[in-house]
């Protein structure tokens, strides 16, 4: 029989990993778009890509990082208590 708490924790860890990958990917997109805009000039499309990518990064990455730390802290506490 599997532990439902561990199953939920594993699911949270997967979501945190996906969120971090997506968030960092969006951040990379924003940086690349900004670099392109700096070299070629900032068009409306470039500015929109940078702005939307940074906004999406903020919405996705921050919760994913916090969730990842929460999962790691819960795992560490279980190890310290011998569970």
PDB file of N, CA and C in Angstrom:
ATOM      1  N   UNK A   1       0.854  -1.177   0.000  1.00  0.00           N
ATOM      2  CA  UNK A   1       0.000   0.000   0.000  1.00  0.00           C
ATOM      3  C   UNK A   1       0.901   1.242   0.000  1.00  0.00           C
ATOM      4  N   UNK A   2       0.637   2.164  -0.882  1.00  0.00           N
ATOM      5  CA  UNK A   2       1.465   3.354  -0.979  1.00  0.00           C
ATOM      6  C   UNK A   2       0.962   4.447  -0.036  1.00  0.00           C
ATOM      7  N   UNK A   3       1.867   5.281   0.380  1.00  0.00           N
ATOM      8  CA  UNK A   3       1.554   6.375   1.298  1.00  0.00           C
ATOM      9  C   UNK A   3       0.951   7.533   0.507  1.00  0.00           C
ATOM     10  N   UNK A   4      -0.269   7.954   0.817  1.00  0.00           N
ATOM     11  CA  UNK A   4      -0.903   9.040   0.052  1.00  0.00           C
ATOM     12  C   UNK A   4      -0.178  10.378   0.213  1.00  0.00           C
ATOM     13  N   UNK A   5       0.465  10.589   1.352  1.00  0.00           N
ATOM     14  CA  UNK A   5       1.205  11.840   1.556  1.00  0.00           C
ATOM     15  C   UNK A   5       2.414  11.870   0.626  1.00  0.00           C
ATOM     16  N   UNK A   6       3.132  10.757   0.541  1.00  0.00           N
ATOM     17  CA  UNK A   6       4.289  10.694  -0.359  1.00  0.00           C
ATOM     18  C   UNK A   6       3.858  10.814  -1.818  1.00  0.00           C
ATOM     19  N   UNK A   7       2.726  10.241  -2.155  1.00  0.00           N
ATOM     20  CA  UNK A   7       2.228  10.340  -3.530  1.00  0.00           C
ATOM     21  C   UNK A   7       1.917  11.794  -3.886  1.00  0.00           C
ATOM     22  N   UNK A   8       1.278  12.501  -2.976  1.00  0.00           N
ATOM     23  CA  UNK A   8       0.984  13.923  -3.220  1.00  0.00           C
ATOM     24  C   UNK A   8       2.267  14.739  -3.280  1.00  0.00           C
ATOM     25  N   UNK A   9       3.216  14.394  -2.436  1.00  0.00           N
ATOM     26  CA  UNK A   9       4.494  15.101  -2.443  1.00  0.00           C
ATOM     27  C   UNK A   9       5.237  14.873  -3.757  1.00  0.00           C
ATOM     28  N   UNK A  10       5.212  13.641  -4.256  1.00  0.00           N
ATOM     29  CA  UNK A  10       5.850  13.361  -5.545  1.00  0.00           C
ATOM     30  C   UNK A  10       5.162  14.126  -6.674  1.00  0.00           C
ATOM     31  N   UNK A  11       3.847  14.205  -6.619  1.00  0.00           N
ATOM     32  CA  UNK A  11       3.113  14.968  -7.624  1.00  0.00           C
ATOM     33  C   UNK A  11       3.473  16.456  -7.534  1.00  0.00           C
ATOM     34  N   UNK A  12       3.569  16.971  -6.321  1.00  0.00           N
ATOM     35  CA  UNK A  12       3.959  18.376  -6.143  1.00  0.00           C
ATOM     36  C   UNK A  12       5.378  18.608  -6.665  1.00  0.00           C
ATOM     37  N   UNK A  13       6.262  17.654  -6.443  1.00  0.00           N
ATOM     38  CA  UNK A  13       7.636  17.777  -6.943  1.00  0.00           C
ATOM     39  C   UNK A  13       7.658  17.794  -8.467  1.00  0.00           C
ATOM     40  N   UNK A  14       6.828  16.977  -9.087  1.00  0.00           N
ATOM     41  CA  UNK A  14       6.750  16.979 -10.558  1.00  0.00           C
ATOM     42  C   UNK A  14       6.234  18.317 -11.072  1.00  0.00           C
ATOM     43  N   UNK A  15       5.190  18.844 -10.431  1.00  0.00           N
ATOM     44  CA  UNK A  15       4.644  20.141 -10.844  1.00  0.00           C
ATOM     45  C   UNK A  15       5.669  21.249 -10.646  1.00  0.00           C
ATOM     46  N   UNK A  16       6.419  21.173  -9.557  1.00  0.00           N
ATOM     47  CA  UNK A  16       7.448  22.181  -9.304  1.00  0.00           C
ATOM     48  C   UNK A  16       8.523  22.122 -10.384  1.00  0.00           C
ATOM     49  N   UNK A  17       8.921  20.918 -10.760  1.00  0.00           N
ATOM     50  CA  UNK A  17       9.936  20.768 -11.806  1.00  0.00           C
ATOM     51  C   UNK A  17       9.435  21.297 -13.148  1.00  0.00           C
ATOM     52  N   UNK A  18       8.218  20.958 -13.498  1.00  0.00           N
ATOM     53  CA  UNK A  18       7.641  21.459 -14.755  1.00  0.00           C
ATOM     54  C   UNK A  18       7.521  22.983 -14.718  1.00  0.00           C
ATOM     55  N   UNK A  19       7.059  23.517 -13.604  1.00  0.00           N
ATOM     56  CA  UNK A  19       6.926  24.952 -13.470  1.00  0.00           C
ATOM     57  C   UNK A  19       8.263  25.673 -13.560  1.00  0.00           C
ATOM     58  N   UNK A  20       9.294  25.079 -12.952  1.00  0.00           N
ATOM     59  CA  UNK A  20      10.613  25.694 -13.018  1.00  0.00           C
ATOM     60  C   UNK A  20      11.176  25.652 -14.426  1.00  0.00           C
ATOM     61  N   UNK A  21      11.008  24.540 -15.095  1.00  0.00           N
ATOM     62  CA  UNK A  21      11.481  24.458 -16.485  1.00  0.00           C
ATOM     63  C   UNK A  21      10.769  25.467 -17.376  1.00  0.00           C
ATOM     64  N   UNK A  22       9.464  25.542 -17.219  1.00  0.00           N
ATOM     65  CA  UNK A  22       8.684  26.498 -18.005  1.00  0.00           C
ATOM     66  C   UNK A  22       9.072  27.931 -17.652  1.00  0.00           C
ATOM     67  N   UNK A  23       9.177  28.219 -16.368  1.00  0.00           N
ATOM     68  CA  UNK A  23       9.518  29.562 -15.927  1.00  0.00           C
ATOM     69  C   UNK A  23      10.884  30.011 -16.415  1.00  0.00           C
ATOM     70  N   UNK A  24      11.877  29.138 -16.286  1.00  0.00           N
ATOM     71  CA  UNK A  24      13.217  29.496 -16.752  1.00  0.00           C
ATOM     72  C   UNK A  24      13.261  29.581 -18.283  1.00  0.00           C
ATOM     73  N   UNK A  25      12.466  28.763 -18.952  1.00  0.00           N
ATOM     74  CA  UNK A  25      12.373  28.864 -20.410  1.00  0.00           C
ATOM     75  C   UNK A  25      11.770  30.191 -20.840  1.00  0.00           C
ATOM     76  N   UNK A  26      10.741  30.620 -20.131  1.00  0.00           N
ATOM     77  CA  UNK A  26      10.134  31.919 -20.428  1.00  0.00           C
ATOM     78  C   UNK A  26      11.112  33.061 -20.148  1.00  0.00           C
ATOM     79  N   UNK A  27      11.891  32.920 -19.091  1.00  0.00           N
ATOM     80  CA  UNK A  27      12.892  33.936 -18.784  1.00  0.00           C
ATOM     81  C   UNK A  27      13.946  33.994 -19.883  1.00  0.00           C
ATOM     82  N   UNK A  28      14.377  32.834 -20.358  1.00  0.00           N
ATOM     83  CA  UNK A  28      15.345  32.797 -21.462  1.00  0.00           C
ATOM     84  C   UNK A  28      14.759  33.443 -22.715  1.00  0.00           C
ATOM     85  N   UNK A  29      13.499  33.174 -22.985  1.00  0.00           N
ATOM     86  CA  UNK A  29      12.832  33.802 -24.128  1.00  0.00           C
ATOM     87  C   UNK A  29      12.836  35.319 -23.988  1.00  0.00           C
ATOM     88  N   UNK A  30      12.535  35.813 -22.798  1.00  0.00           N
ATOM     89  CA  UNK A  30      12.522  37.259 -22.568  1.00  0.00           C
ATOM     90  C   UNK A  30      13.909  37.862 -22.771  1.00  0.00           C
ATOM     91  N   UNK A  31      14.931  37.178 -22.287  1.00  0.00           N
ATOM     92  CA  UNK A  31      16.306  37.679 -22.433  1.00  0.00           C
ATOM     93  C   UNK A  31      16.713  37.701 -23.899  1.00  0.00           C
ATOM     94  N   UNK A  32      16.408  36.625 -24.623  1.00  0.00           N
ATOM     95  CA  UNK A  32      16.756  36.566 -26.051  1.00  0.00           C
ATOM     96  C   UNK A  32      15.993  37.639 -26.821  1.00  0.00           C
ATOM     97  N   UNK A  33      14.723  37.784 -26.542  1.00  0.00           N
ATOM     98  CA  UNK A  33      13.929  38.813 -27.232  1.00  0.00           C
ATOM     99  C   UNK A  33      14.457  40.205 -26.917  1.00  0.00           C
ATOM    100  N   UNK A  34      14.864  40.418 -25.672  1.00  0.00           N
ATOM    101  CA  UNK A  34      15.433  41.711 -25.305  1.00  0.00           C
ATOM    102  C   UNK A  34      16.739  41.962 -26.057  1.00  0.00           C
ATOM    103  N   UNK A  35      17.582  40.933 -26.140  1.00  0.00           N
ATOM    104  CA  UNK A  35      18.851  41.071 -26.865  1.00  0.00           C
ATOM    105  C   UNK A  35      18.595  41.379 -28.341  1.00  0.00           C
ATOM    106  N   UNK A  36      17.637  40.687 -28.936  1.00  0.00           N
ATOM    107  CA  UNK A  36      17.280  40.946 -30.333  1.00  0.00           C
ATOM    108  C   UNK A  36      16.778  42.382 -30.466  1.00  0.00           C
ATOM    109  N   UNK A  37      15.954  42.814 -29.544  1.00  0.00           N
ATOM    110  CA  UNK A  37      15.450  44.178 -29.577  1.00  0.00           C
ATOM    111  C   UNK A  37      16.566  45.200 -29.404  1.00  0.00           C
ATOM    112  N   UNK A  38      17.536  44.891 -28.566  1.00  0.00           N
ATOM    113  CA  UNK A  38      18.644  45.819 -28.346  1.00  0.00           C
ATOM    114  C   UNK A  38      19.502  45.958 -29.599  1.00  0.00           C
ATOM    115  N   UNK A  39      19.641  44.865 -30.347  1.00  0.00           N
ATOM    116  CA  UNK A  39      20.470  44.896 -31.562  1.00  0.00           C
ATOM    117  C   UNK A  39      19.700  45.486 -32.740  1.00  0.00           C
ATOM    118  N   UNK A  40      18.472  45.052 -32.935  1.00  0.00           N
ATOM    119  CA  UNK A  40      17.695  45.439 -34.118  1.00  0.00           C
ATOM    120  C   UNK A  40      16.776  46.634 -33.893  1.00  0.00           C
ATOM    121  N   UNK A  41      16.568  46.994 -32.666  1.00  0.00           N
ATOM    122  CA  UNK A  41      15.605  48.048 -32.356  1.00  0.00           C
ATOM    123  C   UNK A  41      14.329  47.417 -31.821  1.00  0.00           C
ATOM    124  N   UNK A  42      13.739  48.078 -30.871  1.00  0.00           N
ATOM    125  CA  UNK A  42      12.562  47.520 -30.206  1.00  0.00           C
ATOM    126  C   UNK A  42      11.293  47.846 -30.978  1.00  0.00           C
ATOM    127  N   UNK A  43      10.786  46.833 -31.672  1.00  0.00           N
ATOM    128  CA  UNK A  43       9.500  46.990 -32.350  1.00  0.00           C
ATOM    129  C   UNK A  43       8.394  46.700 -31.341  1.00  0.00           C
ATOM    130  N   UNK A  44       7.186  46.921 -31.762  1.00  0.00           N
ATOM    131  CA  UNK A  44       6.055  46.612 -30.890  1.00  0.00           C
ATOM    132  C   UNK A  44       5.972  45.139 -30.547  1.00  0.00           C
ATOM    133  N   UNK A  45       6.271  44.284 -31.520  1.00  0.00           N
ATOM    134  CA  UNK A  45       6.214  42.840 -31.291  1.00  0.00           C
ATOM    135  C   UNK A  45       7.292  42.394 -30.304  1.00  0.00           C
ATOM    136  N   UNK A  46       8.499  42.932 -30.465  1.00  0.00           N
ATOM    137  CA  UNK A  46       9.593  42.563 -29.566  1.00  0.00           C
ATOM    138  C   UNK A  46       9.276  42.988 -28.139  1.00  0.00           C
ATOM    139  N   UNK A  47       8.780  44.189 -27.998  1.00  0.00           N
ATOM    140  CA  UNK A  47       8.417  44.694 -26.672  1.00  0.00           C
ATOM    141  C   UNK A  47       7.315  43.852 -26.046  1.00  0.00           C
ATOM    142  N   UNK A  48       6.357  43.448 -26.857  1.00  0.00           N
ATOM    143  CA  UNK A  48       5.270  42.605 -26.358  1.00  0.00           C
ATOM    144  C   UNK A  48       5.784  41.245 -25.912  1.00  0.00           C
ATOM    145  N   UNK A  49       6.675  40.653 -26.696  1.00  0.00           N
ATOM    146  CA  UNK A  49       7.230  39.342 -26.327  1.00  0.00           C
ATOM    147  C   UNK A  49       7.988  39.440 -25.009  1.00  0.00           C
ATOM    148  N   UNK A  50       8.825  40.450 -24.866  1.00  0.00           N
ATOM    149  CA  UNK A  50       9.593  40.620 -23.634  1.00  0.00           C
ATOM    150  C   UNK A  50       8.655  40.811 -22.448  1.00  0.00           C
ATOM    151  N   UNK A  51       7.673  41.669 -22.592  1.00  0.00           N
ATOM    152  CA  UNK A  51       6.757  41.979 -21.492  1.00  0.00           C
ATOM    153  C   UNK A  51       5.931  40.761 -21.093  1.00  0.00           C
ATOM    154  N   UNK A  52       5.358  40.087 -22.073  1.00  0.00           N
ATOM    155  CA  UNK A  52       4.516  38.921 -21.773  1.00  0.00           C
ATOM    156  C   UNK A  52       5.355  37.786 -21.191  1.00  0.00           C
ATOM    157  N   UNK A  53       6.547  37.573 -21.737  1.00  0.00           N
ATOM    158  CA  UNK A  53       7.404  36.500 -21.226  1.00  0.00           C
ATOM    159  C   UNK A  53       7.826  36.783 -19.787  1.00  0.00           C
ATOM    160  N   UNK A  54       8.159  38.029 -19.475  1.00  0.00           N
ATOM    161  CA  UNK A  54       8.537  38.362 -18.098  1.00  0.00           C
ATOM    162  C   UNK A  54       7.353  38.236 -17.142  1.00  0.00           C
ATOM    163  N   UNK A  55       6.188  38.659 -17.582  1.00  0.00           N
ATOM    164  CA  UNK A  55       4.996  38.533 -16.736  1.00  0.00           C
ATOM    165  C   UNK A  55       4.671  37.059 -16.479  1.00  0.00           C
ATOM    166  N   UNK A  56       4.734  36.255 -17.528  1.00  0.00           N
ATOM    167  CA  UNK A  56       4.461  34.824 -17.375  1.00  0.00           C
ATOM    168  C   UNK A  56       5.521  34.156 -16.499  1.00  0.00           C
ATOM    169  N   UNK A  57       6.771  34.593 -16.634  1.00  0.00           N
ATOM    170  CA  UNK A  57       7.843  34.066 -15.789  1.00  0.00           C
ATOM    171  C   UNK A  57       7.523  34.300 -14.325  1.00  0.00           C
ATOM    172  N   UNK A  58       7.089  35.505 -14.013  1.00  0.00           N
ATOM    173  CA  UNK A  58       6.763  35.849 -12.630  1.00  0.00           C
ATOM    174  C   UNK A  58       5.617  34.992 -12.099  1.00  0.00           C
ATOM    175  N   UNK A  59       4.615  34.776 -12.927  1.00  0.00           N
ATOM    176  CA  UNK A  59       3.450  34.006 -12.493  1.00  0.00           C
ATOM    177  C   UNK A  59       3.759  32.521 -12.330  1.00  0.00           C
ATOM    178  N   UNK A  60       4.682  32.002 -13.130  1.00  0.00           N
ATOM    179  CA  UNK A  60       4.960  30.563 -13.128  1.00  0.00           C
ATOM    180  C   UNK A  60       6.132  30.209 -12.215  1.00  0.00           C
ATOM    181  N   UNK A  61       7.214  30.962 -12.326  1.00  0.00           N
ATOM    182  CA  UNK A  61       8.467  30.566 -11.679  1.00  0.00           C
ATOM    183  C   UNK A  61       8.436  30.726 -10.161  1.00  0.00           C
ATOM    184  N   UNK A  62       7.938  31.834  -9.669  1.00  0.00           N
ATOM    185  CA  UNK A  62       7.953  32.060  -8.216  1.00  0.00           C
ATOM    186  C   UNK A  62       7.205  30.962  -7.442  1.00  0.00           C
ATOM    187  N   UNK A  63       5.973  30.627  -7.815  1.00  0.00           N
ATOM    188  CA  UNK A  63       5.296  29.542  -7.082  1.00  0.00           C
ATOM    189  C   UNK A  63       5.994  28.189  -7.242  1.00  0.00           C
ATOM    190  N   UNK A  64       6.568  27.945  -8.412  1.00  0.00           N
ATOM    191  CA  UNK A  64       7.252  26.670  -8.633  1.00  0.00           C
ATOM    192  C   UNK A  64       8.483  26.543  -7.742  1.00  0.00           C
ATOM    193  N   UNK A  65       9.213  27.633  -7.590  1.00  0.00           N
ATOM    194  CA  UNK A  65      10.396  27.606  -6.722  1.00  0.00           C
ATOM    195  C   UNK A  65       9.980  27.375  -5.274  1.00  0.00           C
ATOM    196  N   UNK A  66       8.960  28.080  -4.824  1.00  0.00           N
ATOM    197  CA  UNK A  66       8.483  27.913  -3.448  1.00  0.00           C
ATOM    198  C   UNK A  66       7.989  26.487  -3.224  1.00  0.00           C
ATOM    199  N   UNK A  67       7.243  25.949  -4.173  1.00  0.00           N
ATOM    200  CA  UNK A  67       6.747  24.576  -4.057  1.00  0.00           C
ATOM    201  C   UNK A  67       7.906  23.591  -4.014  1.00  0.00           C
ATOM    202  N   UNK A  68       8.920  23.807  -4.835  1.00  0.00           N
ATOM    203  CA  UNK A  68      10.092  22.927  -4.829  1.00  0.00           C
ATOM    204  C   UNK A  68      10.792  22.938  -3.486  1.00  0.00           C
ATOM    205  N   UNK A  69      10.971  24.126  -2.904  1.00  0.00           N
ATOM    206  CA  UNK A  69      11.595  24.215  -1.583  1.00  0.00           C
ATOM    207  C   UNK A  69      10.731  23.549  -0.522  1.00  0.00           C
ATOM    208  N   UNK A  70       9.420  23.681  -0.624  1.00  0.00           N
ATOM    209  CA  UNK A  70       8.524  23.056   0.350  1.00  0.00           C
ATOM    210  C   UNK A  70       8.639  21.535   0.304  1.00  0.00           C
ATOM    211  N   UNK A  71       8.702  20.988  -0.895  1.00  0.00           N
ATOM    212  CA  UNK A  71       8.840  19.532  -1.033  1.00  0.00           C
ATOM    213  C   UNK A  71      10.167  19.070  -0.449  1.00  0.00           C
ATOM    214  N   UNK A  72      11.241  19.791  -0.762  1.00  0.00           N
ATOM    215  CA  UNK A  72      12.562  19.424  -0.229  1.00  0.00           C
ATOM    216  C   UNK A  72      12.595  19.508   1.293  1.00  0.00           C
ATOM    217  N   UNK A  73      11.959  20.534   1.861  1.00  0.00           N
ATOM    218  CA  UNK A  73      11.919  20.681   3.313  1.00  0.00           C
ATOM    219  C   UNK A  73      11.129  19.543   3.956  1.00  0.00           C
ATOM    220  N   UNK A  74      10.025  19.151   3.346  1.00  0.00           N
ATOM    221  CA  UNK A  74       9.227  18.043   3.876  1.00  0.00           C
ATOM    222  C   UNK A  74      10.007  16.737   3.815  1.00  0.00           C
ATOM    223  N   UNK A  75      10.719  16.511   2.722  1.00  0.00           N
ATOM    224  CA  UNK A  75      11.538  15.302   2.602  1.00  0.00           C
ATOM    225  C   UNK A  75      12.646  15.294   3.654  1.00  0.00           C
ATOM    226  N   UNK A  76      13.296  16.449   3.852  1.00  0.00           N
ATOM    227  CA  UNK A  76      14.370  16.545   4.839  1.00  0.00           C
ATOM    228  C   UNK A  76      13.822  16.278   6.240  1.00  0.00           C
ATOM    229  N   UNK A  77      12.655  16.825   6.550  1.00  0.00           N
ATOM    230  CA  UNK A  77      12.059  16.605   7.864  1.00  0.00           C
ATOM    231  C   UNK A  77      11.727  15.132   8.067  1.00  0.00           C
ATOM    232  N   UNK A  78      11.219  14.480   7.045  1.00  0.00           N
ATOM    233  CA  UNK A  78      10.932  13.040   7.151  1.00  0.00           C
ATOM    234  C   UNK A  78      12.210  12.246   7.411  1.00  0.00           C
ATOM    235  N   UNK A  79      13.291  12.595   6.694  1.00  0.00           N
ATOM    236  CA  UNK A  79      14.559  11.881   6.915  1.00  0.00           C
ATOM    237  C   UNK A  79      15.076  12.094   8.327  1.00  0.00           C
ATOM    238  N   UNK A  80      14.983  13.328   8.820  1.00  0.00           N
ATOM    239  CA  UNK A  80      15.472  13.629  10.174  1.00  0.00           C
ATOM    240  C   UNK A  80      14.670  12.905  11.247  1.00  0.00           C
ATOM    241  N   UNK A  81      13.384  12.673  10.979  1.00  0.00           N
ATOM    242  CA  UNK A  81      12.529  11.987  11.946  1.00  0.00           C
ATOM    243  C   UNK A  81      12.497  10.479  11.710  1.00  0.00           C
ATOM    244  N   UNK A  82      13.255  10.014  10.712  1.00  0.00           N
ATOM    245  CA  UNK A  82      13.355   8.587  10.464  1.00  0.00           C
ATOM    246  C   UNK A  82      12.142   7.962   9.815  1.00  0.00           C
ATOM    247  N   UNK A  83      11.403   8.751   9.052  1.00  0.00           N
ATOM    248  CA  UNK A  83      10.216   8.203   8.375  1.00  0.00           C
ATOM    249  C   UNK A  83      10.536   7.795   6.969  1.00  0.00           C
TER     250      UNK A  83
END
